[in-house]
Amino acid sequence: MHLLLTDLLICPRCATEHGLVLLAERLSERRVLEGWLGCPVCRERYPVRRGFADLRVEAHGLPEKPAPAPGTPDVAFRLAALLGIHAGPAFALMAGRASFLAPRIAALVEQLEVVAAAAELAGWDEQPGVSRIAAGDRLPFFSRRLHAVALADAAATSLLEEGARVLAPPGRLVLDGAPADAELRLARAGLRPILRQDELVVAERA
């Protein structure tokens, strides 16, 4: 997990905008490999193990199945184009199946740190450009701080409003597996839909 990511994190339990405090036990090349993220308000602590931060309010363990392989280059290139990030420094969030593309997306854009939110990624090794986390129904980020967000499968429905909340202007939100009412929900969240192709929806914050 990139050290600077800690500046963007809030406690998902009490949802205050005070931020989390890093208690690092092991650092390497500006990446947190072992430690804790603590909330100064509710005193909850979230573990960082092998670079993976479990930021769920109620953790239910980690999957025992093998970690998924990164997605194919052509799919990653298409998603990168939809997200509209051409250069960093920037932070992008990917949840659901989109998170499996994180290493390839990070390799396409200089100084882009991709936050890959999926419990299955605990089995991946730490790698440049990718910060791995597990998140619940509330994304553990300050509002309007991420430069792009991609949500796939169930996350495209369950995290739609949260994805909109954490998106900074003029960022884009990509939904792969978008619900039928996606455009209405996005508009209510302050985003402007700019593309729909079947279950793929792209919106932007002006």
N, C-alpha and C. Protein backbone atom coordinates (compact mmCIF):
# COMPACT_ATOMS: atom_id res chain seq x y z
N MET A 1 0.84 -1.19 0.00
CA MET A 1 0.00 0.00 0.00
C MET A 1 0.88 1.24 0.00
N HIS A 2 0.58 2.16 -0.92
CA HIS A 2 1.40 3.37 -1.01
C HIS A 2 1.23 4.23 0.23
N LEU A 3 2.33 4.78 0.71
CA LEU A 3 2.31 5.58 1.93
C LEU A 3 1.36 6.77 1.81
N LEU A 4 1.32 7.43 0.65
CA LEU A 4 0.48 8.62 0.49
C LEU A 4 -1.01 8.30 0.46
N LEU A 5 -1.36 7.04 0.24
CA LEU A 5 -2.77 6.67 0.27
C LEU A 5 -3.37 6.92 1.65
N THR A 6 -2.57 6.83 2.68
CA THR A 6 -3.09 7.03 4.03
C THR A 6 -3.66 8.43 4.22
N ASP A 7 -3.22 9.40 3.42
CA ASP A 7 -3.76 10.76 3.51
C ASP A 7 -5.19 10.86 2.99
N LEU A 8 -5.64 9.84 2.27
CA LEU A 8 -6.97 9.86 1.67
C LEU A 8 -7.99 9.05 2.45
N LEU A 9 -7.56 8.32 3.48
CA LEU A 9 -8.41 7.33 4.13
C LEU A 9 -9.15 7.90 5.34
N ILE A 10 -10.41 7.46 5.49
CA ILE A 10 -11.22 7.76 6.67
C ILE A 10 -11.71 6.45 7.27
N CYS A 11 -12.21 6.53 8.49
CA CYS A 11 -12.72 5.34 9.17
C CYS A 11 -14.08 4.95 8.60
N PRO A 12 -14.25 3.73 8.10
CA PRO A 12 -15.54 3.31 7.57
C PRO A 12 -16.58 3.05 8.66
N ARG A 13 -16.13 2.91 9.90
CA ARG A 13 -17.07 2.65 10.99
C ARG A 13 -17.78 3.92 11.44
N CYS A 14 -17.03 4.95 11.80
CA CYS A 14 -17.67 6.17 12.32
C CYS A 14 -17.87 7.22 11.22
N ALA A 15 -17.26 7.01 10.05
CA ALA A 15 -17.50 7.85 8.87
C ALA A 15 -17.25 9.33 9.12
N THR A 16 -16.34 9.66 10.01
CA THR A 16 -15.99 11.06 10.22
C THR A 16 -14.86 11.44 9.28
N GLU A 17 -14.70 12.71 9.03
CA GLU A 17 -13.69 13.19 8.10
C GLU A 17 -12.40 13.57 8.83
N HIS A 18 -12.05 12.79 9.85
CA HIS A 18 -10.83 13.06 10.60
C HIS A 18 -9.62 12.32 10.03
N GLY A 19 -9.84 11.29 9.27
CA GLY A 19 -8.74 10.53 8.70
C GLY A 19 -8.23 9.46 9.65
N LEU A 20 -7.48 8.52 9.10
CA LEU A 20 -6.89 7.44 9.87
C LEU A 20 -5.42 7.73 10.15
N VAL A 21 -4.93 7.19 11.24
CA VAL A 21 -3.54 7.39 11.66
C VAL A 21 -2.77 6.10 11.38
N LEU A 22 -1.66 6.23 10.67
CA LEU A 22 -0.85 5.06 10.33
C LEU A 22 0.12 4.74 11.44
N LEU A 23 0.11 3.48 11.87
CA LEU A 23 1.10 2.95 12.80
C LEU A 23 1.90 1.91 12.03
N ALA A 24 2.96 2.35 11.39
CA ALA A 24 3.72 1.49 10.48
C ALA A 24 4.70 0.62 11.25
N GLU A 25 4.73 -0.66 10.92
CA GLU A 25 5.69 -1.59 11.50
C GLU A 25 6.79 -1.95 10.49
N ARG A 26 6.45 -1.85 9.22
CA ARG A 26 7.45 -2.16 8.18
C ARG A 26 7.13 -1.35 6.93
N LEU A 27 8.12 -0.59 6.46
CA LEU A 27 8.00 0.22 5.25
C LEU A 27 9.12 -0.16 4.28
N SER A 28 8.83 -0.03 2.98
CA SER A 28 9.85 -0.26 1.97
C SER A 28 9.51 0.56 0.73
N GLU A 29 10.40 1.46 0.35
CA GLU A 29 10.24 2.27 -0.85
C GLU A 29 8.88 2.96 -0.88
N ARG A 30 8.55 3.64 0.21
CA ARG A 30 7.32 4.42 0.36
C ARG A 30 6.06 3.56 0.29
N ARG A 31 6.20 2.28 0.61
CA ARG A 31 5.04 1.40 0.65
C ARG A 31 4.94 0.79 2.04
N VAL A 32 3.71 0.74 2.54
CA VAL A 32 3.44 0.17 3.87
C VAL A 32 3.22 -1.32 3.70
N LEU A 33 4.08 -2.12 4.31
CA LEU A 33 3.98 -3.58 4.19
C LEU A 33 3.32 -4.21 5.40
N GLU A 34 3.58 -3.66 6.58
CA GLU A 34 2.99 -4.18 7.81
C GLU A 34 2.65 -3.01 8.72
N GLY A 35 1.52 -3.12 9.41
CA GLY A 35 1.16 -2.08 10.37
C GLY A 35 -0.33 -2.03 10.63
N TRP A 36 -0.77 -0.88 11.11
CA TRP A 36 -2.17 -0.68 11.47
C TRP A 36 -2.61 0.71 11.04
N LEU A 37 -3.89 0.85 10.72
CA LEU A 37 -4.50 2.15 10.49
C LEU A 37 -5.53 2.34 11.60
N GLY A 38 -5.34 3.37 12.41
CA GLY A 38 -6.20 3.58 13.57
C GLY A 38 -7.06 4.82 13.44
N CYS A 39 -8.28 4.74 13.97
CA CYS A 39 -9.20 5.88 13.97
C CYS A 39 -9.05 6.63 15.29
N PRO A 40 -8.78 7.94 15.27
CA PRO A 40 -8.64 8.71 16.51
C PRO A 40 -9.96 9.00 17.19
N VAL A 41 -11.08 8.71 16.52
CA VAL A 41 -12.40 9.00 17.08
C VAL A 41 -12.99 7.77 17.78
N CYS A 42 -13.16 6.67 17.03
CA CYS A 42 -13.78 5.47 17.61
C CYS A 42 -12.76 4.45 18.10
N ARG A 43 -11.48 4.68 17.84
CA ARG A 43 -10.37 3.82 18.29
C ARG A 43 -10.32 2.47 17.58
N GLU A 44 -11.08 2.31 16.51
CA GLU A 44 -11.00 1.07 15.72
C GLU A 44 -9.64 1.00 15.04
N ARG A 45 -9.13 -0.23 14.88
CA ARG A 45 -7.85 -0.43 14.20
C ARG A 45 -8.05 -1.40 13.04
N TYR A 46 -7.41 -1.08 11.92
CA TYR A 46 -7.52 -1.88 10.70
C TYR A 46 -6.12 -2.38 10.32
N PRO A 47 -5.97 -3.68 10.08
CA PRO A 47 -4.63 -4.24 9.85
C PRO A 47 -4.12 -4.03 8.43
N VAL A 48 -2.81 -3.89 8.31
CA VAL A 48 -2.12 -3.93 7.02
C VAL A 48 -1.15 -5.10 7.09
N ARG A 49 -1.37 -6.10 6.25
CA ARG A 49 -0.53 -7.30 6.26
C ARG A 49 -0.07 -7.60 4.83
N ARG A 50 1.25 -7.72 4.67
CA ARG A 50 1.85 -7.95 3.35
C ARG A 50 1.38 -6.90 2.35
N GLY A 51 1.20 -5.67 2.84
CA GLY A 51 0.80 -4.57 1.97
C GLY A 51 -0.69 -4.46 1.73
N PHE A 52 -1.47 -5.40 2.25
CA PHE A 52 -2.92 -5.43 2.03
C PHE A 52 -3.63 -4.87 3.26
N ALA A 53 -4.46 -3.84 3.06
CA ALA A 53 -5.18 -3.19 4.16
C ALA A 53 -6.63 -3.66 4.18
N ASP A 54 -7.05 -4.25 5.30
CA ASP A 54 -8.43 -4.70 5.45
C ASP A 54 -9.22 -3.59 6.15
N LEU A 55 -9.99 -2.83 5.37
CA LEU A 55 -10.71 -1.67 5.86
C LEU A 55 -12.21 -1.92 5.94
N ARG A 56 -12.57 -3.15 6.26
CA ARG A 56 -13.98 -3.48 6.44
C ARG A 56 -14.35 -3.30 7.91
N VAL A 57 -15.58 -2.83 8.14
CA VAL A 57 -16.06 -2.65 9.51
C VAL A 57 -16.15 -3.99 10.21
N GLU A 58 -16.71 -4.97 9.53
CA GLU A 58 -16.81 -6.32 10.08
C GLU A 58 -16.13 -7.27 9.12
N ALA A 59 -14.87 -7.54 9.38
CA ALA A 59 -14.11 -8.44 8.51
C ALA A 59 -14.60 -9.88 8.70
N HIS A 60 -14.74 -10.59 7.60
CA HIS A 60 -15.21 -11.98 7.65
C HIS A 60 -14.15 -12.94 7.13
N GLY A 61 -12.90 -12.60 7.36
CA GLY A 61 -11.83 -13.45 6.88
C GLY A 61 -11.53 -13.18 5.42
N LEU A 62 -10.48 -13.79 4.94
CA LEU A 62 -10.06 -13.60 3.56
C LEU A 62 -10.24 -14.89 2.77
N PRO A 63 -10.55 -14.80 1.48
CA PRO A 63 -10.76 -16.00 0.67
C PRO A 63 -9.53 -16.90 0.68
N GLU A 64 -9.79 -18.20 0.71
CA GLU A 64 -8.70 -19.17 0.68
C GLU A 64 -8.35 -19.60 -0.74
N LYS A 65 -9.19 -19.25 -1.71
CA LYS A 65 -8.91 -19.62 -3.09
C LYS A 65 -7.75 -18.79 -3.63
N PRO A 66 -7.08 -19.28 -4.69
CA PRO A 66 -5.94 -18.55 -5.24
C PRO A 66 -6.33 -17.15 -5.70
N ALA A 67 -5.39 -16.23 -5.62
CA ALA A 67 -5.64 -14.87 -6.08
C ALA A 67 -5.88 -14.86 -7.58
N PRO A 68 -6.79 -14.01 -8.07
CA PRO A 68 -7.09 -13.97 -9.50
C PRO A 68 -5.92 -13.42 -10.30
N ALA A 69 -5.82 -13.86 -11.53
CA ALA A 69 -4.79 -13.35 -12.42
C ALA A 69 -5.20 -11.98 -12.95
N PRO A 70 -4.23 -11.10 -13.23
CA PRO A 70 -4.57 -9.80 -13.82
C PRO A 70 -5.32 -9.98 -15.14
N GLY A 71 -6.21 -9.05 -15.45
CA GLY A 71 -6.98 -9.12 -16.69
C GLY A 71 -6.10 -8.95 -17.91
N THR A 72 -6.70 -9.11 -19.08
CA THR A 72 -5.95 -9.06 -20.33
C THR A 72 -5.59 -7.62 -20.69
N PRO A 73 -4.51 -7.43 -21.46
CA PRO A 73 -4.07 -6.08 -21.82
C PRO A 73 -5.11 -5.27 -22.59
N ASP A 74 -5.86 -5.91 -23.49
CA ASP A 74 -6.82 -5.16 -24.29
C ASP A 74 -7.97 -4.63 -23.44
N VAL A 75 -8.42 -5.43 -22.48
CA VAL A 75 -9.49 -4.97 -21.58
C VAL A 75 -8.98 -3.84 -20.70
N ALA A 76 -7.74 -3.95 -20.23
CA ALA A 76 -7.16 -2.91 -19.40
C ALA A 76 -7.00 -1.60 -20.18
N PHE A 77 -6.57 -1.69 -21.42
CA PHE A 77 -6.39 -0.49 -22.24
C PHE A 77 -7.73 0.21 -22.46
N ARG A 78 -8.77 -0.57 -22.69
CA ARG A 78 -10.11 0.02 -22.91
C ARG A 78 -10.59 0.71 -21.65
N LEU A 79 -10.41 0.08 -20.49
CA LEU A 79 -10.86 0.70 -19.25
C LEU A 79 -10.06 1.96 -18.96
N ALA A 80 -8.76 1.94 -19.21
CA ALA A 80 -7.94 3.13 -18.99
C ALA A 80 -8.44 4.29 -19.84
N ALA A 81 -8.82 4.00 -21.08
CA ALA A 81 -9.34 5.05 -21.96
C ALA A 81 -10.66 5.60 -21.44
N LEU A 82 -11.53 4.73 -20.95
CA LEU A 82 -12.81 5.17 -20.41
C LEU A 82 -12.63 6.03 -19.16
N LEU A 83 -11.64 5.70 -18.35
CA LEU A 83 -11.38 6.47 -17.13
C LEU A 83 -10.81 7.84 -17.42
N GLY A 84 -10.14 7.99 -18.56
CA GLY A 84 -9.68 9.29 -18.98
C GLY A 84 -8.47 9.84 -18.25
N ILE A 85 -7.70 9.00 -17.58
CA ILE A 85 -6.49 9.46 -16.90
C ILE A 85 -5.30 9.24 -17.82
N HIS A 86 -4.61 10.32 -18.17
CA HIS A 86 -3.50 10.23 -19.10
C HIS A 86 -2.15 10.41 -18.43
N ALA A 87 -2.13 11.00 -17.25
CA ALA A 87 -0.88 11.22 -16.54
C ALA A 87 -1.16 11.45 -15.07
N GLY A 88 -0.18 11.10 -14.24
CA GLY A 88 -0.30 11.34 -12.81
C GLY A 88 0.46 12.58 -12.40
N PRO A 89 0.64 12.77 -11.11
CA PRO A 89 0.22 11.86 -10.03
C PRO A 89 -1.29 11.84 -9.85
N ALA A 90 -1.83 10.65 -9.63
CA ALA A 90 -3.27 10.48 -9.47
C ALA A 90 -3.55 9.18 -8.74
N PHE A 91 -4.73 9.12 -8.12
CA PHE A 91 -5.22 7.90 -7.48
C PHE A 91 -6.52 7.49 -8.15
N ALA A 92 -6.62 6.23 -8.52
CA ALA A 92 -7.85 5.68 -9.09
C ALA A 92 -8.29 4.48 -8.26
N LEU A 93 -9.60 4.31 -8.13
CA LEU A 93 -10.16 3.19 -7.37
C LEU A 93 -10.82 2.22 -8.33
N MET A 94 -10.59 0.92 -8.10
CA MET A 94 -11.26 -0.12 -8.87
C MET A 94 -11.78 -1.18 -7.92
N ALA A 95 -13.07 -1.49 -8.06
CA ALA A 95 -13.70 -2.47 -7.18
C ALA A 95 -14.43 -3.51 -8.01
N GLY A 96 -14.63 -4.69 -7.42
CA GLY A 96 -15.22 -5.79 -8.16
C GLY A 96 -14.20 -6.37 -9.13
N ARG A 97 -14.69 -6.93 -10.23
CA ARG A 97 -13.80 -7.54 -11.21
C ARG A 97 -12.81 -6.54 -11.80
N ALA A 98 -13.16 -5.27 -11.82
CA ALA A 98 -12.26 -4.24 -12.34
C ALA A 98 -10.95 -4.18 -11.57
N SER A 99 -10.99 -4.57 -10.30
CA SER A 99 -9.77 -4.50 -9.48
C SER A 99 -8.69 -5.45 -9.98
N PHE A 100 -9.08 -6.52 -10.68
CA PHE A 100 -8.10 -7.48 -11.19
C PHE A 100 -7.23 -6.87 -12.29
N LEU A 101 -7.68 -5.74 -12.86
CA LEU A 101 -6.94 -5.07 -13.93
C LEU A 101 -5.92 -4.07 -13.39
N ALA A 102 -5.88 -3.90 -12.08
CA ALA A 102 -5.08 -2.84 -11.47
C ALA A 102 -3.61 -2.82 -11.93
N PRO A 103 -2.89 -3.95 -11.94
CA PRO A 103 -1.48 -3.89 -12.35
C PRO A 103 -1.30 -3.41 -13.79
N ARG A 104 -2.18 -3.83 -14.67
CA ARG A 104 -2.05 -3.42 -16.07
C ARG A 104 -2.41 -1.95 -16.25
N ILE A 105 -3.43 -1.47 -15.54
CA ILE A 105 -3.81 -0.06 -15.62
C ILE A 105 -2.67 0.81 -15.08
N ALA A 106 -2.10 0.41 -13.95
CA ALA A 106 -1.01 1.18 -13.35
C ALA A 106 0.19 1.27 -14.28
N ALA A 107 0.43 0.21 -15.05
CA ALA A 107 1.57 0.20 -15.97
C ALA A 107 1.35 1.10 -17.18
N LEU A 108 0.10 1.44 -17.47
CA LEU A 108 -0.21 2.25 -18.64
C LEU A 108 -0.05 3.74 -18.41
N VAL A 109 -0.19 4.18 -17.15
CA VAL A 109 -0.20 5.61 -16.84
C VAL A 109 0.90 5.92 -15.83
N GLU A 110 1.79 6.81 -16.19
CA GLU A 110 2.90 7.17 -15.31
C GLU A 110 2.38 7.88 -14.06
N GLN A 111 2.91 7.49 -12.90
CA GLN A 111 2.58 8.08 -11.60
C GLN A 111 1.10 7.90 -11.23
N LEU A 112 0.49 6.84 -11.72
CA LEU A 112 -0.87 6.50 -11.30
C LEU A 112 -0.80 5.41 -10.25
N GLU A 113 -1.46 5.62 -9.12
CA GLU A 113 -1.59 4.59 -8.09
C GLU A 113 -3.03 4.08 -8.14
N VAL A 114 -3.18 2.79 -8.42
CA VAL A 114 -4.50 2.19 -8.51
C VAL A 114 -4.83 1.50 -7.20
N VAL A 115 -5.93 1.90 -6.58
CA VAL A 115 -6.41 1.26 -5.36
C VAL A 115 -7.34 0.14 -5.78
N ALA A 116 -6.93 -1.10 -5.57
CA ALA A 116 -7.70 -2.27 -5.97
C ALA A 116 -8.44 -2.80 -4.75
N ALA A 117 -9.77 -2.68 -4.77
CA ALA A 117 -10.59 -3.04 -3.62
C ALA A 117 -11.27 -4.38 -3.84
N ALA A 118 -10.67 -5.43 -3.30
CA ALA A 118 -11.24 -6.77 -3.37
C ALA A 118 -10.51 -7.65 -2.38
N ALA A 119 -11.25 -8.36 -1.55
CA ALA A 119 -10.63 -9.22 -0.54
C ALA A 119 -9.76 -10.30 -1.18
N GLU A 120 -10.13 -10.72 -2.40
CA GLU A 120 -9.37 -11.78 -3.07
C GLU A 120 -7.92 -11.38 -3.34
N LEU A 121 -7.65 -10.08 -3.38
CA LEU A 121 -6.31 -9.62 -3.73
C LEU A 121 -5.32 -9.70 -2.58
N ALA A 122 -5.76 -10.16 -1.42
CA ALA A 122 -4.83 -10.35 -0.29
C ALA A 122 -3.73 -11.33 -0.66
N GLY A 123 -3.99 -12.22 -1.59
CA GLY A 123 -3.00 -13.21 -2.00
C GLY A 123 -1.97 -12.71 -2.99
N TRP A 124 -2.18 -11.50 -3.53
CA TRP A 124 -1.18 -10.94 -4.46
C TRP A 124 0.03 -10.45 -3.70
N ASP A 125 1.18 -10.47 -4.35
CA ASP A 125 2.37 -9.82 -3.81
C ASP A 125 2.27 -8.31 -4.00
N GLU A 126 2.96 -7.57 -3.16
CA GLU A 126 3.02 -6.12 -3.31
C GLU A 126 3.73 -5.78 -4.62
N GLN A 127 3.21 -4.79 -5.33
CA GLN A 127 3.80 -4.39 -6.60
C GLN A 127 3.63 -2.90 -6.83
N PRO A 128 4.53 -2.29 -7.59
CA PRO A 128 4.46 -0.84 -7.81
C PRO A 128 3.16 -0.42 -8.48
N GLY A 129 2.61 0.69 -8.02
CA GLY A 129 1.43 1.25 -8.66
C GLY A 129 0.11 0.67 -8.22
N VAL A 130 0.12 -0.30 -7.32
CA VAL A 130 -1.13 -0.95 -6.88
C VAL A 130 -1.19 -1.00 -5.36
N SER A 131 -2.25 -0.42 -4.81
CA SER A 131 -2.53 -0.51 -3.37
C SER A 131 -3.76 -1.39 -3.19
N ARG A 132 -3.61 -2.48 -2.46
CA ARG A 132 -4.68 -3.46 -2.30
C ARG A 132 -5.40 -3.25 -0.97
N ILE A 133 -6.74 -3.21 -1.03
CA ILE A 133 -7.54 -3.06 0.18
C ILE A 133 -8.77 -3.95 0.09
N ALA A 134 -9.41 -4.17 1.24
CA ALA A 134 -10.76 -4.72 1.28
C ALA A 134 -11.65 -3.64 1.86
N ALA A 135 -12.83 -3.45 1.27
CA ALA A 135 -13.75 -2.40 1.71
C ALA A 135 -15.16 -2.96 1.78
N GLY A 136 -15.98 -2.36 2.63
CA GLY A 136 -17.36 -2.78 2.78
C GLY A 136 -18.30 -1.86 2.03
N ASP A 137 -19.49 -1.63 2.62
CA ASP A 137 -20.51 -0.82 1.96
C ASP A 137 -20.17 0.66 1.92
N ARG A 138 -19.31 1.12 2.82
CA ARG A 138 -18.86 2.51 2.79
C ARG A 138 -17.39 2.54 2.41
N LEU A 139 -17.09 3.23 1.33
CA LEU A 139 -15.70 3.33 0.88
C LEU A 139 -14.92 4.20 1.86
N PRO A 140 -13.73 3.76 2.27
CA PRO A 140 -12.98 4.45 3.33
C PRO A 140 -12.14 5.61 2.82
N PHE A 141 -12.78 6.53 2.08
CA PHE A 141 -12.05 7.65 1.51
C PHE A 141 -12.76 8.97 1.79
N PHE A 142 -11.98 10.03 1.92
CA PHE A 142 -12.56 11.36 1.97
C PHE A 142 -13.37 11.62 0.70
N SER A 143 -14.38 12.45 0.79
CA SER A 143 -15.18 12.81 -0.37
C SER A 143 -14.36 13.60 -1.38
N ARG A 144 -14.60 13.31 -2.65
CA ARG A 144 -14.01 14.05 -3.78
C ARG A 144 -12.48 14.09 -3.74
N ARG A 145 -11.86 12.95 -3.52
CA ARG A 145 -10.40 12.91 -3.45
C ARG A 145 -9.77 11.98 -4.50
N LEU A 146 -10.55 11.12 -5.15
CA LEU A 146 -9.99 10.18 -6.12
C LEU A 146 -10.23 10.69 -7.54
N HIS A 147 -9.26 10.45 -8.41
CA HIS A 147 -9.31 11.03 -9.75
C HIS A 147 -10.13 10.20 -10.74
N ALA A 148 -10.38 8.94 -10.43
CA ALA A 148 -11.19 8.07 -11.29
C ALA A 148 -11.65 6.88 -10.47
N VAL A 149 -12.82 6.34 -10.85
CA VAL A 149 -13.38 5.19 -10.13
C VAL A 149 -13.98 4.23 -11.15
N ALA A 150 -13.70 2.93 -11.00
CA ALA A 150 -14.30 1.90 -11.84
C ALA A 150 -14.92 0.84 -10.93
N LEU A 151 -16.21 0.57 -11.13
CA LEU A 151 -16.94 -0.42 -10.34
C LEU A 151 -17.52 -1.47 -11.27
N ALA A 152 -17.30 -2.74 -10.98
CA ALA A 152 -17.77 -3.80 -11.85
C ALA A 152 -18.65 -4.79 -11.09
N ASP A 153 -19.54 -5.43 -11.85
CA ASP A 153 -20.42 -6.47 -11.32
C ASP A 153 -21.30 -5.92 -10.20
N ALA A 154 -21.40 -6.62 -9.07
CA ALA A 154 -22.28 -6.18 -7.98
C ALA A 154 -21.89 -4.82 -7.44
N ALA A 155 -20.61 -4.50 -7.46
CA ALA A 155 -20.15 -3.20 -6.96
C ALA A 155 -20.71 -2.04 -7.76
N ALA A 156 -21.04 -2.27 -9.04
CA ALA A 156 -21.59 -1.21 -9.87
C ALA A 156 -22.95 -0.76 -9.38
N THR A 157 -23.63 -1.63 -8.65
CA THR A 157 -24.92 -1.27 -8.05
C THR A 157 -24.77 -0.87 -6.60
N SER A 158 -24.10 -1.70 -5.80
CA SER A 158 -24.04 -1.47 -4.35
C SER A 158 -23.18 -0.28 -3.97
N LEU A 159 -22.18 0.04 -4.77
CA LEU A 159 -21.25 1.13 -4.42
C LEU A 159 -21.40 2.34 -5.33
N LEU A 160 -22.48 2.42 -6.09
CA LEU A 160 -22.63 3.52 -7.06
C LEU A 160 -22.56 4.88 -6.38
N GLU A 161 -23.39 5.10 -5.36
CA GLU A 161 -23.39 6.40 -4.67
C GLU A 161 -22.06 6.67 -3.96
N GLU A 162 -21.48 5.64 -3.39
CA GLU A 162 -20.19 5.81 -2.72
C GLU A 162 -19.09 6.14 -3.73
N GLY A 163 -19.13 5.49 -4.88
CA GLY A 163 -18.16 5.80 -5.92
C GLY A 163 -18.28 7.24 -6.39
N ALA A 164 -19.52 7.72 -6.50
CA ALA A 164 -19.74 9.12 -6.87
C ALA A 164 -19.24 10.06 -5.78
N ARG A 165 -19.44 9.68 -4.53
CA ARG A 165 -19.04 10.55 -3.41
C ARG A 165 -17.54 10.79 -3.39
N VAL A 166 -16.75 9.77 -3.64
CA VAL A 166 -15.30 9.90 -3.50
C VAL A 166 -14.63 10.45 -4.75
N LEU A 167 -15.39 10.63 -5.83
CA LEU A 167 -14.83 11.09 -7.10
C LEU A 167 -14.63 12.60 -7.11
N ALA A 168 -13.42 13.02 -7.44
CA ALA A 168 -13.09 14.44 -7.52
C ALA A 168 -13.36 14.97 -8.92
N PRO A 169 -13.70 16.25 -9.05
CA PRO A 169 -13.82 16.83 -10.39
C PRO A 169 -12.44 17.04 -11.01
N PRO A 170 -12.27 16.83 -12.31
CA PRO A 170 -13.27 16.44 -13.31
C PRO A 170 -13.19 14.94 -13.61
N GLY A 171 -13.21 14.12 -12.59
CA GLY A 171 -12.98 12.69 -12.75
C GLY A 171 -14.15 11.96 -13.39
N ARG A 172 -13.88 10.71 -13.77
CA ARG A 172 -14.90 9.85 -14.38
C ARG A 172 -15.16 8.63 -13.51
N LEU A 173 -16.42 8.19 -13.55
CA LEU A 173 -16.86 6.96 -12.89
C LEU A 173 -17.33 6.00 -13.97
N VAL A 174 -16.76 4.80 -14.00
CA VAL A 174 -17.12 3.77 -14.97
C VAL A 174 -17.85 2.65 -14.24
N LEU A 175 -19.03 2.29 -14.73
CA LEU A 175 -19.82 1.20 -14.17
C LEU A 175 -19.91 0.09 -15.21
N ASP A 176 -19.38 -1.08 -14.89
CA ASP A 176 -19.45 -2.25 -15.75
C ASP A 176 -20.41 -3.24 -15.10
N GLY A 177 -21.61 -3.32 -15.66
CA GLY A 177 -22.69 -4.06 -15.02
C GLY A 177 -23.65 -3.10 -14.36
N ALA A 178 -23.83 -1.94 -14.98
CA ALA A 178 -24.64 -0.87 -14.39
C ALA A 178 -26.11 -1.27 -14.31
N PRO A 179 -26.80 -0.87 -13.23
CA PRO A 179 -28.23 -1.14 -13.10
C PRO A 179 -29.03 -0.27 -14.07
N ALA A 180 -30.29 -0.62 -14.24
CA ALA A 180 -31.15 0.11 -15.19
C ALA A 180 -31.33 1.56 -14.80
N ASP A 181 -31.31 1.85 -13.50
CA ASP A 181 -31.53 3.22 -13.03
C ASP A 181 -30.23 3.97 -12.77
N ALA A 182 -29.14 3.51 -13.36
CA ALA A 182 -27.83 4.10 -13.08
C ALA A 182 -27.78 5.59 -13.38
N GLU A 183 -28.30 6.00 -14.54
CA GLU A 183 -28.22 7.41 -14.92
C GLU A 183 -28.97 8.30 -13.92
N LEU A 184 -30.12 7.85 -13.47
CA LEU A 184 -30.89 8.63 -12.50
C LEU A 184 -30.12 8.75 -11.18
N ARG A 185 -29.58 7.66 -10.70
CA ARG A 185 -28.82 7.68 -9.44
C ARG A 185 -27.55 8.52 -9.56
N LEU A 186 -26.90 8.45 -10.70
CA LEU A 186 -25.70 9.25 -10.91
C LEU A 186 -26.02 10.74 -10.93
N ALA A 187 -27.11 11.10 -11.60
CA ALA A 187 -27.51 12.50 -11.66
C ALA A 187 -27.84 13.03 -10.27
N ARG A 188 -28.51 12.22 -9.47
CA ARG A 188 -28.82 12.63 -8.09
C ARG A 188 -27.56 12.82 -7.27
N ALA A 189 -26.50 12.08 -7.61
CA ALA A 189 -25.23 12.18 -6.89
C ALA A 189 -24.34 13.29 -7.43
N GLY A 190 -24.83 14.02 -8.43
CA GLY A 190 -24.08 15.15 -8.95
C GLY A 190 -23.18 14.85 -10.13
N LEU A 191 -23.35 13.68 -10.75
CA LEU A 191 -22.53 13.31 -11.90
C LEU A 191 -23.34 13.41 -13.18
N ARG A 192 -22.64 13.59 -14.29
CA ARG A 192 -23.29 13.71 -15.59
C ARG A 192 -22.96 12.48 -16.44
N PRO A 193 -23.95 11.63 -16.73
CA PRO A 193 -23.70 10.47 -17.59
C PRO A 193 -23.31 10.93 -18.99
N ILE A 194 -22.28 10.31 -19.55
CA ILE A 194 -21.82 10.69 -20.88
C ILE A 194 -21.81 9.52 -21.86
N LEU A 195 -22.02 8.30 -21.36
CA LEU A 195 -22.00 7.14 -22.25
C LEU A 195 -22.75 5.98 -21.61
N ARG A 196 -23.57 5.28 -22.43
CA ARG A 196 -24.12 3.98 -22.05
C ARG A 196 -24.05 3.06 -23.25
N GLN A 197 -23.46 1.89 -23.04
CA GLN A 197 -23.45 0.82 -24.02
C GLN A 197 -23.85 -0.46 -23.29
N ASP A 198 -25.08 -0.87 -23.49
CA ASP A 198 -25.63 -2.01 -22.76
C ASP A 198 -25.50 -1.77 -21.25
N GLU A 199 -24.69 -2.57 -20.54
CA GLU A 199 -24.56 -2.40 -19.09
C GLU A 199 -23.30 -1.63 -18.71
N LEU A 200 -22.69 -0.97 -19.67
CA LEU A 200 -21.53 -0.12 -19.41
C LEU A 200 -21.97 1.35 -19.39
N VAL A 201 -21.70 2.03 -18.28
CA VAL A 201 -22.07 3.44 -18.14
C VAL A 201 -20.84 4.22 -17.69
N VAL A 202 -20.64 5.38 -18.30
CA VAL A 202 -19.57 6.29 -17.90
C VAL A 202 -20.19 7.63 -17.54
N ALA A 203 -19.77 8.18 -16.40
CA ALA A 203 -20.26 9.49 -15.97
C ALA A 203 -19.08 10.32 -15.50
N GLU A 204 -19.26 11.63 -15.46
CA GLU A 204 -18.18 12.51 -15.03
C GLU A 204 -18.71 13.54 -14.05
N ARG A 205 -17.80 14.02 -13.19
CA ARG A 205 -18.13 15.11 -12.28
C ARG A 205 -17.54 16.39 -12.86
N ALA A 206 -18.41 17.36 -13.13
CA ALA A 206 -17.97 18.62 -13.73
C ALA A 206 -17.22 19.46 -12.71
